[in-house]
Amino acid sequence: MKTVEQKRLLVVEDSDAIRQEISEFFSAKNDVITAKNLAEAVDCVEKQTFDAVILDLVLPDGNGLSIFEHLRDDVPVIILSDLGSDENIIDGIGRGAADYIVKPVSTNVLDARLAIRLLPPKDAVICSHGLSLNLADRTAGFYDKTIDLTASEFNILAFLMSHPGQVFSALDIYEQVWKLPHLNTQTIRIHLHNLRKKLLLVSPACGSLIMTEFGKGYYFIP
């Protein structure tokens, strides 16, 4: 799993506990600056350059989205918020966020999601058997056909494509993709069923790229 290293990060979060947890985690390998409100965040981005921003939306002095007015377009922003409605997520992505994560989330998952956003373009694309995934903009396609995937379907497919030929149980997939102890492996099976159905609708050849090994799990064709 890729991690974030040797980057300058801005963490904008009004919760002292969350801000400290994120700062301590990323400071081991990065230069981390923190801000507890919008005014401090704006002051930071106007005086310094950052490789990425981790942004809360509900701040004491305003909406975190206002920071986009002061940032370069090429700085990836990961929104980390309690606001999890479709409207909030669409609004955040529409304003320019590279990713939107609903709290609570582990620092390991946050690290993995941010690392993907910081990948060089040449390393952000996985291609195999005509199926391609762009990890940076989270798009999928089979030759010239676009495949519309949910976030969970995309994450599962990206994981399996990154480990071709290796068999993973539903439990393995849950723990590797979400970086959390499993809660209900039936959820993974449903995601896999829907994912394979979408791939099959594109093409029988595309639909056969994820295989099942009875009693063991699932794998992507090597």
Protein backbone atom coordinates (compact mmCIF):
# COMPACT_ATOMS: atom_id res chain seq x y z
CA MET A 1 0.00 0.00 0.00
CA LYS A 2 1.34 3.43 -0.92
CA THR A 3 1.71 5.98 1.84
CA VAL A 4 2.16 9.74 1.93
CA GLU A 5 5.81 10.66 2.38
CA GLN A 6 7.94 13.83 2.17
CA LYS A 7 4.98 16.12 1.51
CA ARG A 8 3.88 19.39 3.07
CA LEU A 9 0.31 18.95 4.30
CA LEU A 10 -2.23 21.38 5.71
CA VAL A 11 -4.75 19.91 8.14
CA VAL A 12 -7.80 22.14 8.70
CA GLU A 13 -9.85 20.75 11.59
CA ASP A 14 -11.55 22.44 14.56
CA SER A 15 -11.60 19.31 16.73
CA ASP A 16 -8.44 19.34 18.83
CA ALA A 17 -8.44 15.55 19.20
CA ILE A 18 -8.89 14.80 15.48
CA ARG A 19 -6.44 17.50 14.42
CA GLN A 20 -3.80 16.15 16.80
CA GLU A 21 -4.36 12.54 15.74
CA ILE A 22 -4.00 13.36 12.03
CA SER A 23 -1.04 15.64 12.62
CA GLU A 24 0.86 13.11 14.72
CA PHE A 25 0.22 10.32 12.21
CA PHE A 26 1.40 12.21 9.12
CA SER A 27 4.22 14.09 10.87
CA ALA A 28 6.24 10.88 11.06
CA LYS A 29 7.04 11.17 7.34
CA ASN A 30 5.81 14.63 6.31
CA ASP A 31 5.85 18.32 7.14
CA VAL A 32 2.42 19.00 8.66
CA ILE A 33 0.88 22.42 9.35
CA THR A 34 -2.45 22.65 11.17
CA ALA A 35 -5.26 25.21 11.33
CA LYS A 36 -8.23 25.14 13.67
CA ASN A 37 -10.41 27.58 11.74
CA LEU A 38 -10.95 29.09 8.30
CA ALA A 39 -9.00 32.29 8.99
CA GLU A 40 -5.88 30.35 10.01
CA ALA A 41 -6.23 28.08 6.98
CA VAL A 42 -6.50 30.99 4.54
CA ASP A 43 -3.49 32.67 6.15
CA CYS A 44 -1.49 29.43 5.73
CA VAL A 45 -2.27 28.90 2.04
CA GLU A 46 -1.56 32.54 1.21
CA LYS A 47 1.88 32.40 2.85
CA GLN A 48 3.01 28.84 2.05
CA THR A 49 2.69 26.18 -0.61
CA PHE A 50 1.23 22.77 0.15
CA ASP A 51 1.18 19.42 -1.62
CA ALA A 52 -2.28 18.57 -0.24
CA VAL A 53 -4.96 19.77 2.17
CA ILE A 54 -7.12 17.73 4.56
CA LEU A 55 -10.20 19.86 5.13
CA ASP A 56 -13.11 19.86 7.56
CA LEU A 57 -16.18 21.72 6.32
CA VAL A 58 -17.87 22.89 9.51
CA LEU A 59 -15.47 25.42 11.02
CA PRO A 60 -16.10 27.99 13.78
CA ASP A 61 -15.79 30.96 11.41
CA GLY A 62 -17.27 29.64 8.18
CA ASN A 63 -17.59 26.89 5.59
CA GLY A 64 -14.34 25.12 4.76
CA LEU A 65 -15.21 25.22 1.07
CA SER A 66 -14.24 28.89 1.06
CA ILE A 67 -10.59 27.86 1.08
CA PHE A 68 -10.83 26.82 -2.59
CA GLU A 69 -10.87 30.53 -3.48
CA HIS A 70 -7.32 30.80 -2.13
CA LEU A 71 -5.79 27.52 -3.39
CA ARG A 72 -4.05 26.62 -6.63
CA ASP A 73 -6.12 24.31 -8.80
CA ASP A 74 -3.44 21.59 -8.72
CA VAL A 75 -3.47 21.14 -4.92
CA PRO A 76 -5.54 18.04 -4.03
CA VAL A 77 -8.02 18.62 -1.22
CA ILE A 78 -9.40 15.72 0.79
CA ILE A 79 -12.61 16.74 2.55
CA LEU A 80 -13.03 15.03 5.92
CA SER A 81 -16.46 15.86 7.28
CA ASP A 82 -19.39 14.77 9.44
CA LEU A 83 -21.69 15.89 6.62
CA GLY A 84 -22.41 12.74 4.65
CA SER A 85 -25.46 13.55 2.52
CA ASP A 86 -25.31 13.20 -1.27
CA GLU A 87 -25.86 16.95 -1.54
CA ASN A 88 -22.81 17.72 0.62
CA ILE A 89 -20.60 15.25 -1.21
CA ILE A 90 -21.66 16.47 -4.65
CA ASP A 91 -21.14 20.07 -3.55
CA GLY A 92 -17.66 19.30 -2.23
CA ILE A 93 -16.55 17.42 -5.32
CA GLY A 94 -18.12 20.08 -7.50
CA ARG A 95 -16.09 22.79 -5.79
CA GLY A 96 -12.90 20.94 -6.63
CA ALA A 97 -12.24 18.40 -3.87
CA ALA A 98 -10.18 15.40 -4.97
CA ASP A 99 -11.96 13.14 -2.49
CA TYR A 100 -14.69 13.28 0.15
CA ILE A 101 -14.48 11.12 3.26
CA VAL A 102 -17.22 10.95 5.87
CA LYS A 103 -16.10 10.76 9.51
CA PRO A 104 -15.17 8.68 11.36
CA VAL A 105 -12.25 7.26 9.37
CA SER A 106 -8.99 5.63 10.43
CA THR A 107 -5.74 7.44 9.72
CA ASN A 108 -4.58 4.42 7.71
CA VAL A 109 -7.50 4.76 5.33
CA LEU A 110 -6.99 8.52 5.11
CA ASP A 111 -3.32 7.90 4.31
CA ALA A 112 -4.18 5.43 1.55
CA ARG A 113 -6.78 7.70 -0.01
CA LEU A 114 -4.48 10.72 0.06
CA ALA A 115 -1.52 8.75 -1.31
CA ILE A 116 -3.56 7.83 -4.38
CA ARG A 117 -4.39 11.49 -5.00
CA LEU A 118 -0.70 12.34 -4.91
CA LEU A 119 0.39 9.68 -7.40
CA PRO A 120 2.22 10.89 -10.53
CA PRO A 121 -0.09 10.50 -13.58
CA LYS A 122 1.97 7.59 -14.96
CA ASP A 123 1.48 5.63 -11.72
CA ALA A 124 -2.21 6.40 -11.31
CA VAL A 125 -3.50 4.08 -14.04
CA ILE A 126 -3.93 0.30 -13.82
CA CYS A 127 -4.54 -1.50 -17.12
CA SER A 128 -5.14 -5.18 -17.78
CA HIS A 129 -7.03 -7.14 -20.45
CA GLY A 130 -8.52 -3.93 -21.85
CA LEU A 131 -9.84 -2.85 -18.45
CA SER A 132 -8.35 0.37 -17.10
CA LEU A 133 -8.71 2.23 -13.82
CA ASN A 134 -7.51 5.75 -13.17
CA LEU A 135 -6.86 5.90 -9.43
CA ALA A 136 -6.47 9.67 -9.40
CA ASP A 137 -9.79 10.64 -10.97
CA ARG A 138 -11.47 7.31 -10.07
CA THR A 139 -12.75 6.45 -13.53
CA ALA A 140 -13.04 3.00 -15.10
CA GLY A 141 -13.30 1.84 -18.68
CA PHE A 142 -13.11 -1.21 -20.91
CA TYR A 143 -11.43 -0.19 -24.15
CA ASP A 144 -13.63 2.71 -25.35
CA LYS A 145 -16.55 2.02 -23.00
CA THR A 146 -16.97 3.86 -19.69
CA ILE A 147 -17.96 1.81 -16.63
CA ASP A 148 -19.95 3.60 -13.92
CA LEU A 149 -18.89 2.20 -10.54
CA THR A 150 -19.77 3.10 -6.98
CA ALA A 151 -16.92 4.07 -4.65
CA SER A 152 -16.94 0.61 -3.00
CA GLU A 153 -17.02 -1.23 -6.34
CA PHE A 154 -14.12 0.87 -7.61
CA ASN A 155 -12.05 0.24 -4.47
CA ILE A 156 -12.61 -3.51 -4.64
CA LEU A 157 -11.77 -3.68 -8.34
CA ALA A 158 -8.64 -1.59 -7.84
CA PHE A 159 -7.50 -3.91 -5.04
CA LEU A 160 -8.07 -7.10 -7.05
CA MET A 161 -6.43 -5.66 -10.19
CA SER A 162 -3.40 -4.69 -8.10
CA HIS A 163 -3.00 -8.34 -7.03
CA PRO A 164 -3.70 -10.38 -10.19
CA GLY A 165 -3.96 -14.12 -9.66
CA GLN A 166 -4.11 -13.87 -5.87
CA VAL A 167 -7.21 -15.32 -4.24
CA PHE A 168 -8.88 -13.28 -1.50
CA SER A 169 -11.85 -14.20 0.67
CA ALA A 170 -14.62 -11.68 1.30
CA LEU A 171 -13.08 -11.13 4.75
CA ASP A 172 -9.64 -10.50 3.23
CA ILE A 173 -11.08 -7.97 0.78
CA TYR A 174 -12.95 -6.09 3.49
CA GLU A 175 -9.93 -5.81 5.76
CA GLN A 176 -7.52 -4.90 2.96
CA VAL A 177 -9.75 -2.33 1.27
CA TRP A 178 -11.31 -0.68 4.32
CA LYS A 179 -8.38 -1.27 6.72
CA LEU A 180 -10.85 -2.19 9.46
CA PRO A 181 -11.95 -5.41 11.15
CA HIS A 182 -14.78 -6.98 9.15
CA LEU A 183 -18.36 -6.33 10.14
CA ASN A 184 -20.38 -8.22 7.57
CA THR A 185 -18.79 -10.12 4.69
CA GLN A 186 -22.19 -10.37 3.02
CA THR A 187 -21.79 -6.67 2.19
CA ILE A 188 -18.62 -7.46 0.22
CA ARG A 189 -20.36 -10.28 -1.63
CA ILE A 190 -23.13 -7.91 -2.66
CA HIS A 191 -20.60 -5.34 -3.89
CA LEU A 192 -18.76 -8.06 -5.83
CA HIS A 193 -22.01 -9.34 -7.34
CA ASN A 194 -22.95 -5.85 -8.50
CA LEU A 195 -19.43 -5.17 -9.77
CA ARG A 196 -19.30 -8.35 -11.85
CA LYS A 197 -22.78 -7.64 -13.19
CA LYS A 198 -21.67 -4.20 -14.41
CA LEU A 199 -18.53 -5.65 -16.01
CA LEU A 200 -20.60 -8.33 -17.72
CA LEU A 201 -22.99 -5.72 -19.13
CA VAL A 202 -20.04 -4.04 -20.82
CA SER A 203 -18.76 -7.26 -22.37
CA PRO A 204 -18.67 -11.00 -21.60
CA ALA A 205 -14.87 -10.77 -21.81
CA CYS A 206 -14.86 -7.95 -19.26
CA GLY A 207 -17.27 -9.83 -17.00
CA SER A 208 -14.98 -12.85 -16.85
CA LEU A 209 -11.99 -10.92 -15.47
CA ILE A 210 -13.03 -11.50 -11.86
CA MET A 211 -13.20 -15.20 -11.05
CA THR A 212 -14.38 -17.22 -8.06
CA GLU A 213 -12.40 -20.11 -6.62
CA PHE A 214 -14.94 -22.22 -4.79
CA GLY A 215 -14.46 -22.25 -1.04
CA LYS A 216 -11.53 -19.82 -1.18
CA GLY A 217 -12.55 -16.48 -2.65
CA TYR A 218 -12.11 -14.17 -5.60
CA TYR A 219 -9.29 -13.17 -7.91
CA PHE A 220 -8.55 -11.05 -10.95
CA ILE A 221 -7.33 -12.90 -14.04
CA PRO A 222 -3.51 -12.63 -14.21
